[in-house]
Amino acid sequence: MLKPGLDGFEVSRAIRSDASLKETPVVLLSALGESRLVDAVRTWGARE
């Protein structure tokens, strides 16, 4: 189910902006499989 109003990118940004959570690993999963999503998370430092 897709979540309207709040997506994984927003949650990830919120985690990274909180100094106490900055080093917390984040796992992103998507059922969409769009290459632009993969490219976007890689620019934020995602690893495979």
PDB file of N, CA and C in Angstrom:
ATOM      1  N   MET A   1       0.849  -1.168   0.000  1.00  0.00           N
ATOM      2  CA  MET A   1       0.000   0.000   0.000  1.00  0.00           C
ATOM      3  C   MET A   1       0.897   1.235   0.000  1.00  0.00           C
ATOM      4  N   LEU A   2       0.601   2.186  -0.860  1.00  0.00           N
ATOM      5  CA  LEU A   2       1.329   3.447  -0.898  1.00  0.00           C
ATOM      6  C   LEU A   2       0.783   4.378   0.176  1.00  0.00           C
ATOM      7  N   LYS A   3       1.674   5.073   0.836  1.00  0.00           N
ATOM      8  CA  LYS A   3       1.282   5.975   1.915  1.00  0.00           C
ATOM      9  C   LYS A   3       1.152   7.405   1.384  1.00  0.00           C
ATOM     10  N   PRO A   4      -0.035   7.965   1.384  1.00  0.00           N
ATOM     11  CA  PRO A   4      -0.193   9.356   0.931  1.00  0.00           C
ATOM     12  C   PRO A   4       0.325  10.338   1.980  1.00  0.00           C
ATOM     13  N   GLY A   5       0.929  11.418   1.519  1.00  0.00           N
ATOM     14  CA  GLY A   5       1.321  12.499   2.427  1.00  0.00           C
ATOM     15  C   GLY A   5       2.695  12.367   3.057  1.00  0.00           C
ATOM     16  N   LEU A   6       3.181  11.172   3.288  1.00  0.00           N
ATOM     17  CA  LEU A   6       4.490  10.989   3.900  1.00  0.00           C
ATOM     18  C   LEU A   6       5.175   9.820   3.206  1.00  0.00           C
ATOM     19  N   ASP A   7       6.338  10.114   2.630  1.00  0.00           N
ATOM     20  CA  ASP A   7       7.037   9.033   1.941  1.00  0.00           C
ATOM     21  C   ASP A   7       8.366   8.737   2.620  1.00  0.00           C
ATOM     22  N   GLY A   8       9.020   7.714   2.150  1.00  0.00           N
ATOM     23  CA  GLY A   8      10.289   7.290   2.722  1.00  0.00           C
ATOM     24  C   GLY A   8      11.371   8.340   2.629  1.00  0.00           C
ATOM     25  N   PHE A   9      11.335   9.143   1.563  1.00  0.00           N
ATOM     26  CA  PHE A   9      12.315  10.215   1.425  1.00  0.00           C
ATOM     27  C   PHE A   9      12.169  11.227   2.557  1.00  0.00           C
ATOM     28  N   GLU A  10      10.943  11.591   2.865  1.00  0.00           N
ATOM     29  CA  GLU A  10      10.692  12.553   3.938  1.00  0.00           C
ATOM     30  C   GLU A  10      11.108  11.986   5.296  1.00  0.00           C
ATOM     31  N   VAL A  11      10.817  10.731   5.531  1.00  0.00           N
ATOM     32  CA  VAL A  11      11.209  10.097   6.787  1.00  0.00           C
ATOM     33  C   VAL A  11      12.731  10.050   6.887  1.00  0.00           C
ATOM     34  N   SER A  12      13.387   9.674   5.803  1.00  0.00           N
ATOM     35  CA  SER A  12      14.846   9.613   5.786  1.00  0.00           C
ATOM     36  C   SER A  12      15.461  10.987   6.044  1.00  0.00           C
ATOM     37  N   ARG A  13      14.932  12.014   5.423  1.00  0.00           N
ATOM     38  CA  ARG A  13      15.432  13.379   5.650  1.00  0.00           C
ATOM     39  C   ARG A  13      15.264  13.790   7.106  1.00  0.00           C
ATOM     40  N   ALA A  14      14.130  13.444   7.699  1.00  0.00           N
ATOM     41  CA  ALA A  14      13.887  13.790   9.105  1.00  0.00           C
ATOM     42  C   ALA A  14      14.887  13.087  10.017  1.00  0.00           C
ATOM     43  N   ILE A  15      15.172  11.825   9.738  1.00  0.00           N
ATOM     44  CA  ILE A  15      16.144  11.081  10.540  1.00  0.00           C
ATOM     45  C   ILE A  15      17.526  11.713  10.403  1.00  0.00           C
ATOM     46  N   ARG A  16      17.937  12.036   9.193  1.00  0.00           N
ATOM     47  CA  ARG A  16      19.259  12.615   8.954  1.00  0.00           C
ATOM     48  C   ARG A  16      19.394  14.017   9.551  1.00  0.00           C
ATOM     49  N   SER A  17      18.310  14.745   9.685  1.00  0.00           N
ATOM     50  CA  SER A  17      18.391  16.111  10.220  1.00  0.00           C
ATOM     51  C   SER A  17      18.426  16.139  11.751  1.00  0.00           C
ATOM     52  N   ASP A  18      18.139  15.023  12.399  1.00  0.00           N
ATOM     53  CA  ASP A  18      18.176  14.932  13.860  1.00  0.00           C
ATOM     54  C   ASP A  18      19.563  14.458  14.279  1.00  0.00           C
ATOM     55  N   ALA A  19      20.298  15.305  14.988  1.00  0.00           N
ATOM     56  CA  ALA A  19      21.680  14.995  15.365  1.00  0.00           C
ATOM     57  C   ALA A  19      21.801  13.674  16.120  1.00  0.00           C
ATOM     58  N   SER A  20      20.823  13.352  16.947  1.00  0.00           N
ATOM     59  CA  SER A  20      20.906  12.115  17.731  1.00  0.00           C
ATOM     60  C   SER A  20      20.623  10.865  16.892  1.00  0.00           C
ATOM     61  N   LEU A  21      20.054  11.035  15.715  1.00  0.00           N
ATOM     62  CA  LEU A  21      19.732   9.897  14.841  1.00  0.00           C
ATOM     63  C   LEU A  21      20.564   9.869  13.564  1.00  0.00           C
ATOM     64  N   LYS A  22      21.430  10.848  13.400  1.00  0.00           N
ATOM     65  CA  LYS A  22      22.153  11.033  12.144  1.00  0.00           C
ATOM     66  C   LYS A  22      22.881   9.779  11.654  1.00  0.00           C
ATOM     67  N   GLU A  23      23.434   8.993  12.555  1.00  0.00           N
ATOM     68  CA  GLU A  23      24.189   7.796  12.172  1.00  0.00           C
ATOM     69  C   GLU A  23      23.339   6.517  12.150  1.00  0.00           C
ATOM     70  N   THR A  24      22.050   6.647  12.364  1.00  0.00           N
ATOM     71  CA  THR A  24      21.149   5.493  12.354  1.00  0.00           C
ATOM     72  C   THR A  24      21.004   4.948  10.936  1.00  0.00           C
ATOM     73  N   PRO A  25      21.259   3.663  10.727  1.00  0.00           N
ATOM     74  CA  PRO A  25      21.055   3.095   9.394  1.00  0.00           C
ATOM     75  C   PRO A  25      19.575   3.153   8.998  1.00  0.00           C
ATOM     76  N   VAL A  26      19.333   3.435   7.747  1.00  0.00           N
ATOM     77  CA  VAL A  26      17.969   3.512   7.216  1.00  0.00           C
ATOM     78  C   VAL A  26      17.867   2.529   6.057  1.00  0.00           C
ATOM     79  N   VAL A  27      16.850   1.690   6.083  1.00  0.00           N
ATOM     80  CA  VAL A  27      16.608   0.744   5.000  1.00  0.00           C
ATOM     81  C   VAL A  27      15.406   1.242   4.216  1.00  0.00           C
ATOM     82  N   LEU A  28      15.608   1.452   2.922  1.00  0.00           N
ATOM     83  CA  LEU A  28      14.527   1.922   2.062  1.00  0.00           C
ATOM     84  C   LEU A  28      14.093   0.785   1.150  1.00  0.00           C
ATOM     85  N   LEU A  29      12.820   0.545   1.124  1.00  0.00           N
ATOM     86  CA  LEU A  29      12.242  -0.476   0.250  1.00  0.00           C
ATOM     87  C   LEU A  29      11.170   0.176  -0.606  1.00  0.00           C
ATOM     88  N   SER A  30      11.089  -0.235  -1.847  1.00  0.00           N
ATOM     89  CA  SER A  30      10.064   0.310  -2.724  1.00  0.00           C
ATOM     90  C   SER A  30       9.536  -0.778  -3.640  1.00  0.00           C
ATOM     91  N   ALA A  31       8.254  -0.791  -3.819  1.00  0.00           N
ATOM     92  CA  ALA A  31       7.632  -1.717  -4.756  1.00  0.00           C
ATOM     93  C   ALA A  31       7.539  -1.107  -6.147  1.00  0.00           C
ATOM     94  N   LEU A  32       7.898   0.160  -6.268  1.00  0.00           N
ATOM     95  CA  LEU A  32       7.740   0.852  -7.539  1.00  0.00           C
ATOM     96  C   LEU A  32       8.810   0.470  -8.561  1.00  0.00           C
ATOM     97  N   GLY A  33      10.052   0.235  -8.106  1.00  0.00           N
ATOM     98  CA  GLY A  33      11.114  -0.199  -9.000  1.00  0.00           C
ATOM     99  C   GLY A  33      11.512   0.814 -10.054  1.00  0.00           C
ATOM    100  N   GLU A  34      11.346   2.066  -9.792  1.00  0.00           N
ATOM    101  CA  GLU A  34      11.700   3.098 -10.758  1.00  0.00           C
ATOM    102  C   GLU A  34      13.162   3.475 -10.600  1.00  0.00           C
ATOM    103  N   SER A  35      13.884   3.526 -11.713  1.00  0.00           N
ATOM    104  CA  SER A  35      15.314   3.820 -11.654  1.00  0.00           C
ATOM    105  C   SER A  35      15.577   5.217 -11.091  1.00  0.00           C
ATOM    106  N   ARG A  36      14.663   6.152 -11.271  1.00  0.00           N
ATOM    107  CA  ARG A  36      14.885   7.502 -10.728  1.00  0.00           C
ATOM    108  C   ARG A  36      14.901   7.477  -9.205  1.00  0.00           C
ATOM    109  N   LEU A  37      14.157   6.557  -8.600  1.00  0.00           N
ATOM    110  CA  LEU A  37      14.178   6.426  -7.146  1.00  0.00           C
ATOM    111  C   LEU A  37      15.527   5.900  -6.675  1.00  0.00           C
ATOM    112  N   VAL A  38      16.051   4.918  -7.391  1.00  0.00           N
ATOM    113  CA  VAL A  38      17.360   4.362  -7.052  1.00  0.00           C
ATOM    114  C   VAL A  38      18.416   5.449  -7.170  1.00  0.00           C
ATOM    115  N   ASP A  39      18.379   6.221  -8.241  1.00  0.00           N
ATOM    116  CA  ASP A  39      19.345   7.305  -8.433  1.00  0.00           C
ATOM    117  C   ASP A  39      19.235   8.346  -7.328  1.00  0.00           C
ATOM    118  N   ALA A  40      18.035   8.660  -6.920  1.00  0.00           N
ATOM    119  CA  ALA A  40      17.824   9.659  -5.869  1.00  0.00           C
ATOM    120  C   ALA A  40      18.413   9.215  -4.540  1.00  0.00           C
ATOM    121  N   VAL A  41      18.172   7.986  -4.139  1.00  0.00           N
ATOM    122  CA  VAL A  41      18.692   7.550  -2.842  1.00  0.00           C
ATOM    123  C   VAL A  41      20.205   7.369  -2.875  1.00  0.00           C
ATOM    124  N   ARG A  42      20.750   7.070  -4.014  1.00  0.00           N
ATOM    125  CA  ARG A  42      22.207   6.984  -4.121  1.00  0.00           C
ATOM    126  C   ARG A  42      22.854   8.349  -3.920  1.00  0.00           C
ATOM    127  N   THR A  43      22.214   9.403  -4.388  1.00  0.00           N
ATOM    128  CA  THR A  43      22.769  10.740  -4.170  1.00  0.00           C
ATOM    129  C   THR A  43      22.771  11.121  -2.701  1.00  0.00           C
ATOM    130  N   TRP A  44      21.950  10.454  -1.905  1.00  0.00           N
ATOM    131  CA  TRP A  44      21.892  10.700  -0.455  1.00  0.00           C
ATOM    132  C   TRP A  44      22.826   9.787   0.308  1.00  0.00           C
ATOM    133  N   GLY A  45      23.626   9.002  -0.418  1.00  0.00           N
ATOM    134  CA  GLY A  45      24.592   8.143   0.246  1.00  0.00           C
ATOM    135  C   GLY A  45      24.149   6.720   0.468  1.00  0.00           C
ATOM    136  N   ALA A  46      23.114   6.289  -0.216  1.00  0.00           N
ATOM    137  CA  ALA A  46      22.636   4.913  -0.056  1.00  0.00           C
ATOM    138  C   ALA A  46      23.651   3.937  -0.635  1.00  0.00           C
ATOM    139  N   ARG A  47      23.714   2.760  -0.018  1.00  0.00           N
ATOM    140  CA  ARG A  47      24.572   1.687  -0.496  1.00  0.00           C
ATOM    141  C   ARG A  47      23.717   0.466  -0.766  1.00  0.00           C
ATOM    142  N   GLU A  48      24.180  -0.351  -1.657  1.00  0.00           N
ATOM    143  CA  GLU A  48      23.460  -1.594  -1.964  1.00  0.00           C
ATOM    144  C   GLU A  48      24.000  -2.726  -1.137  1.00  0.00           C
TER     145      GLU A  48
END
